[in-house]
């Protein structure tokens, strides 16, 4: 390995370590804020006898659970590789995201259930305590969303935590809107109507997180990888004749892997071809890790045919 390659690898390692540290810090801040406010909101609910406030308190509790789940998954994912986990524990983030998505789905069903129930069994809304509870919730939730936002764009595990806090944030807004509408109009059904509508939004969010986690766990091609473009770029490398056993997958969000067998012309320098292909994969397509087997076309072997995805020079795919 050249000095430049070592430097690039060290740089990538430092960047990933910094990202993991930042995500963990964000999750700790969010868990602390929402956790403390959960107890405050429960106290307000008990003191007032407000079902609306108590319901929102349990939404806050679900957010605490979602954030803690993401924090634990992130901690496990940060563990280094060993003889039993040669790829490390990155997949813990995907498992955490999957569980968070399912957890969010169950909470969405609960929100819809409570909304429908209140449509048929209205409760008296106490405006003052509702507004006090909602205002305190907004304060903590805005801070939590701000610290989680960056990580949620790049990490599926963080996205699950973000949406749990978003659930409580919108819940606080719903309480404020409902209190104001009821105060001025007396239309008490606004509370369950808004709550049920947001429950449907949560189902949509939970489906997106669960679907993406399942895709990555099933080792499908990551959505940010254009496999056709990768294949065209590799086939254009000098002396490359065939590509087979092409595999692109992800350890976790943002860590895409690639492997392939490259058939080259007889007499071509295999190491030169491998280096050229590796540079393309890392620099142009940002793969985290690559494994390339270079072989002469005449020595082409075809093991494990059931997972052998092929690419030929005409650009047609075969299986």
Foldseek 3Di string as FASTA:
>chain_A
DDPVVVVVLVVVVVVVVVLLVLQLVLLVLLLVLLVVLLVVLCVLCVVVVDPLSPLLSVLSVLLSVLSVLLNVLSVQQPADADPVRNVGSVLSLLVSLQVLLVSLLVVLVVLLVVLVVCVVVPDDDDLPSLLVSLVSLLVSLVSSLVSLVVVLVQFLSSVSSNVSSVLSNVSSVLSNVQSVCCVVPVPNSSSSVSSNVVSVVSNVSSCVSNVQSVCQVVFHADPLDDVLVLVLVLCPQPQWFWKKLWGWGASGGPAIEIEIETAGAPPDDQVVSVVVSVCCCCPVVNHNYYYYHYYHPVPDDCPPVVSMWIAGPVSDTDD
